């Protein structure tokens, strides 16, 4: 999923195929690329614009996204779960995503109230054993797994067979980073082929 304008998303889809989906966020507020699946981020990694997030949520009631991230606190799982509990009534049936943050092993995940998990947190948290266990649990429960800040082939290898979709600001800005990640997904990367793995589920919106 790329945080790009509708025109750029369509350009990338023509170039790379329908594996390219869109990530929308209050930080950039790009319009939706027509007919393209998308995820809705909340922008909390930098700052939470409640007014713009509410506006995007209103649109999401019409063109349901794959998931919508409820507000979170970077690096604090307990506060993030509390925010999820508070804001879940504002989503009006939209598929909710809980952002996994550092310390999630000490929090109670409201599995019945969410449709997806969004792997956030610190760089060390991204591929920590507890994070992988949470993501695998989500998959066993039929939840969507999205991983944020994936900009390298190595990070793709960490999540192959678990993640259903990924995003990364580097991929959204630089074609060479996007092509490096796509090569890994397609098993064409010179360093290590994805065909060495046996994924348990097919990635969709990479």
Protein backbone atom coordinates (compact mmCIF):
# COMPACT_ATOMS: atom_id res chain seq x y z
CA UNK A 1 0.00 0.00 0.00
CA UNK A 2 1.39 3.37 -1.04
CA UNK A 3 0.56 6.80 0.34
CA UNK A 4 0.36 8.46 -3.06
CA UNK A 5 -2.05 10.54 -5.11
CA UNK A 6 -4.71 8.68 -7.13
CA UNK A 7 -2.86 9.54 -10.36
CA UNK A 8 0.40 8.10 -9.00
CA UNK A 9 -1.34 4.97 -7.75
CA UNK A 10 -2.82 4.36 -11.20
CA UNK A 11 0.56 4.97 -12.82
CA UNK A 12 2.19 2.43 -10.53
CA UNK A 13 -0.56 -0.11 -11.17
CA UNK A 14 -0.04 0.22 -14.90
CA UNK A 15 3.69 -0.25 -14.40
CA UNK A 16 3.74 -2.94 -11.71
CA UNK A 17 0.27 -4.49 -11.71
CA UNK A 18 -2.65 -4.63 -9.30
CA UNK A 19 -0.40 -5.67 -6.44
CA UNK A 20 -0.19 -1.92 -5.75
CA UNK A 21 -2.88 -0.70 -3.36
CA UNK A 22 -3.33 2.66 -1.63
CA UNK A 23 -2.77 3.84 1.93
CA UNK A 24 -4.71 6.96 2.89
CA UNK A 25 -3.76 9.09 5.87
CA UNK A 26 -4.74 12.44 7.42
CA UNK A 27 -1.11 13.52 6.97
CA UNK A 28 -1.41 13.76 3.17
CA UNK A 29 -5.20 13.50 2.67
CA UNK A 30 -4.93 12.16 -0.87
CA UNK A 31 -8.22 11.29 -2.52
CA UNK A 32 -9.06 7.70 -3.18
CA UNK A 33 -7.81 6.00 -6.34
CA UNK A 34 -11.02 4.74 -7.97
CA UNK A 35 -11.53 1.00 -7.75
CA UNK A 36 -8.30 0.40 -5.81
CA UNK A 37 -8.44 -1.31 -2.39
CA UNK A 38 -7.04 0.87 0.36
CA UNK A 39 -6.20 1.01 4.03
CA UNK A 40 -6.80 4.03 6.26
CA UNK A 41 -4.01 5.07 8.60
CA UNK A 42 -4.51 7.55 11.44
CA UNK A 43 -1.36 9.67 11.14
CA UNK A 44 -0.53 9.30 14.83
CA UNK A 45 3.10 8.42 14.11
CA UNK A 46 3.61 12.16 13.56
CA UNK A 47 0.50 13.89 14.91
CA UNK A 48 -3.20 13.09 15.18
CA UNK A 49 -5.46 15.38 13.15
CA UNK A 50 -8.83 14.40 14.61
CA UNK A 51 -10.85 16.59 12.24
CA UNK A 52 -9.24 15.15 9.10
CA UNK A 53 -9.38 11.59 10.44
CA UNK A 54 -13.12 12.01 11.06
CA UNK A 55 -13.55 13.28 7.50
CA UNK A 56 -11.76 10.27 6.06
CA UNK A 57 -13.84 7.99 8.27
CA UNK A 58 -17.03 9.49 6.86
CA UNK A 59 -15.80 8.65 3.35
CA UNK A 60 -14.86 5.17 4.52
CA UNK A 61 -18.46 4.50 5.48
CA UNK A 62 -19.27 4.69 1.77
CA UNK A 63 -16.24 2.98 0.20
CA UNK A 64 -15.23 0.57 2.95
CA UNK A 65 -11.45 0.21 3.29
CA UNK A 66 -9.64 -3.02 4.02
CA UNK A 67 -9.03 -1.60 7.50
CA UNK A 68 -9.07 1.69 9.38
CA UNK A 69 -6.46 2.25 12.08
CA UNK A 70 -7.89 3.60 15.29
CA UNK A 71 -5.72 6.19 17.08
CA UNK A 72 -2.62 4.94 18.86
CA UNK A 73 0.27 6.10 21.02
CA UNK A 74 3.65 5.27 19.54
CA UNK A 75 5.55 2.86 21.77
CA UNK A 76 2.73 2.39 24.31
CA UNK A 77 0.44 -0.60 23.83
CA UNK A 78 -1.68 -0.05 26.93
CA UNK A 79 -2.59 3.54 26.03
CA UNK A 80 -3.23 2.39 22.45
CA UNK A 81 -5.70 -0.28 23.59
CA UNK A 82 -7.44 2.35 25.72
CA UNK A 83 -7.74 4.64 22.71
CA UNK A 84 -9.06 1.75 20.62
CA UNK A 85 -11.75 1.08 23.21
CA UNK A 86 -12.73 4.75 23.27
CA UNK A 87 -12.81 5.30 19.51
CA UNK A 88 -14.30 2.00 18.36
CA UNK A 89 -17.85 3.42 18.57
CA UNK A 90 -16.85 6.08 16.01
CA UNK A 91 -16.17 3.59 13.22
CA UNK A 92 -19.78 2.70 12.30
CA UNK A 93 -19.08 -0.79 11.01
CA UNK A 94 -15.80 0.05 9.26
CA UNK A 95 -13.19 -2.74 9.68
CA UNK A 96 -11.14 -1.62 12.69
CA UNK A 97 -7.39 -2.11 13.02
CA UNK A 98 -5.52 -2.08 16.31
CA UNK A 99 -1.99 -0.75 16.01
CA UNK A 100 0.42 -3.11 17.76
CA UNK A 101 2.86 -1.18 19.92
CA UNK A 102 5.72 -1.92 22.27
CA UNK A 103 4.45 -3.63 25.41
CA UNK A 104 1.58 -5.45 23.70
CA UNK A 105 2.45 -8.57 25.69
CA UNK A 106 1.19 -6.75 28.81
CA UNK A 107 -2.10 -5.58 27.27
CA UNK A 108 -5.32 -7.41 26.50
CA UNK A 109 -6.04 -7.39 22.77
CA UNK A 110 -9.78 -6.91 22.04
CA UNK A 111 -9.87 -9.53 19.29
CA UNK A 112 -13.67 -9.56 18.99
CA UNK A 113 -13.74 -5.83 18.20
CA UNK A 114 -11.12 -5.69 15.46
CA UNK A 115 -10.75 -6.88 11.88
CA UNK A 116 -7.03 -6.23 11.50
CA UNK A 117 -3.79 -5.53 13.28
CA UNK A 118 -1.35 -2.91 12.05
CA UNK A 119 2.23 -3.60 13.14
CA UNK A 120 3.66 -0.29 14.35
CA UNK A 121 5.99 0.36 17.24
CA UNK A 122 9.74 0.87 17.40
CA UNK A 123 12.15 -0.65 14.92
CA UNK A 124 13.14 -3.26 17.49
CA UNK A 125 9.52 -4.17 18.06
CA UNK A 126 8.84 -4.74 14.34
CA UNK A 127 10.27 -8.24 14.25
CA UNK A 128 10.46 -9.10 17.95
CA UNK A 129 9.19 -12.58 18.89
CA UNK A 130 6.19 -11.16 20.76
CA UNK A 131 5.17 -9.15 17.68
CA UNK A 132 5.40 -12.18 15.43
CA UNK A 133 3.32 -14.20 17.90
CA UNK A 134 0.63 -11.51 17.95
CA UNK A 135 0.56 -11.41 14.15
CA UNK A 136 0.36 -15.20 13.90
CA UNK A 137 -2.48 -15.21 16.43
CA UNK A 138 -4.28 -12.63 14.31
CA UNK A 139 -3.92 -14.85 11.24
CA UNK A 140 -5.28 -17.87 13.13
CA UNK A 141 -8.30 -15.76 14.11
CA UNK A 142 -8.91 -14.69 10.52
CA UNK A 143 -7.72 -11.11 10.98
CA UNK A 144 -5.87 -9.00 8.41
CA UNK A 145 -2.20 -8.32 9.18
CA UNK A 146 -0.62 -5.10 7.90
CA UNK A 147 2.97 -4.07 8.60
CA UNK A 148 4.02 -0.43 8.49
CA UNK A 149 7.40 1.07 7.62
CA UNK A 150 8.51 -1.71 5.29
CA UNK A 151 11.00 -0.17 2.88
CA UNK A 152 13.60 -2.88 2.33
CA UNK A 153 13.78 -6.40 0.95
CA UNK A 154 15.07 -7.60 4.33
CA UNK A 155 11.96 -6.34 6.12
CA UNK A 156 9.83 -8.13 3.53
CA UNK A 157 11.66 -11.38 4.27
CA UNK A 158 10.89 -10.94 7.96
CA UNK A 159 7.15 -10.91 7.23
CA UNK A 160 6.63 -13.21 4.27
CA UNK A 161 3.86 -15.72 4.93
CA UNK A 162 2.38 -13.61 7.74
CA UNK A 163 1.63 -10.12 6.43
CA UNK A 164 -1.29 -9.55 4.08
CA UNK A 165 -0.17 -6.02 3.20
CA UNK A 166 2.65 -3.59 3.89
CA UNK A 167 3.44 0.09 3.48
CA UNK A 168 6.48 2.31 3.68
CA UNK A 169 7.13 6.00 3.15
CA UNK A 170 10.33 5.20 1.26
CA UNK A 171 8.45 2.99 -1.20
CA UNK A 172 5.90 5.75 -1.71
CA UNK A 173 8.59 8.30 -2.54
CA UNK A 174 11.35 6.44 -4.32
CA UNK A 175 10.89 4.05 -7.23
CA UNK A 176 14.14 2.22 -6.55
CA UNK A 177 12.97 1.30 -3.03
CA UNK A 178 9.60 0.16 -4.34
CA UNK A 179 11.23 -1.94 -7.05
CA UNK A 180 13.60 -3.52 -4.51
CA UNK A 181 10.66 -4.56 -2.33
CA UNK A 182 8.63 -5.80 -5.30
CA UNK A 183 11.58 -7.86 -6.52
CA UNK A 184 11.70 -9.58 -3.13
CA UNK A 185 7.96 -10.23 -3.12
CA UNK A 186 8.10 -11.67 -6.63
CA UNK A 187 11.10 -13.87 -5.88
CA UNK A 188 13.42 -11.95 -8.20
CA UNK A 189 15.63 -10.27 -5.63
CA UNK A 190 19.34 -11.07 -6.16
CA UNK A 191 20.07 -11.41 -2.44
CA UNK A 192 17.47 -13.99 -1.54
CA UNK A 193 14.43 -15.35 -3.31
CA UNK A 194 10.98 -15.44 -1.78
CA UNK A 195 10.59 -18.90 -3.31
CA UNK A 196 12.78 -20.21 -0.50
CA UNK A 197 9.81 -19.71 1.80
CA UNK A 198 6.48 -21.48 2.03
CA UNK A 199 4.00 -18.73 2.89
CA UNK A 200 0.83 -19.69 4.74
CA UNK A 201 -1.23 -17.06 2.98
CA UNK A 202 -0.98 -15.02 -0.18
CA UNK A 203 -0.10 -11.37 0.27
CA UNK A 204 -2.62 -9.08 -1.33
CA UNK A 205 -1.99 -5.36 -1.04
CA UNK A 206 1.77 -5.20 -0.95
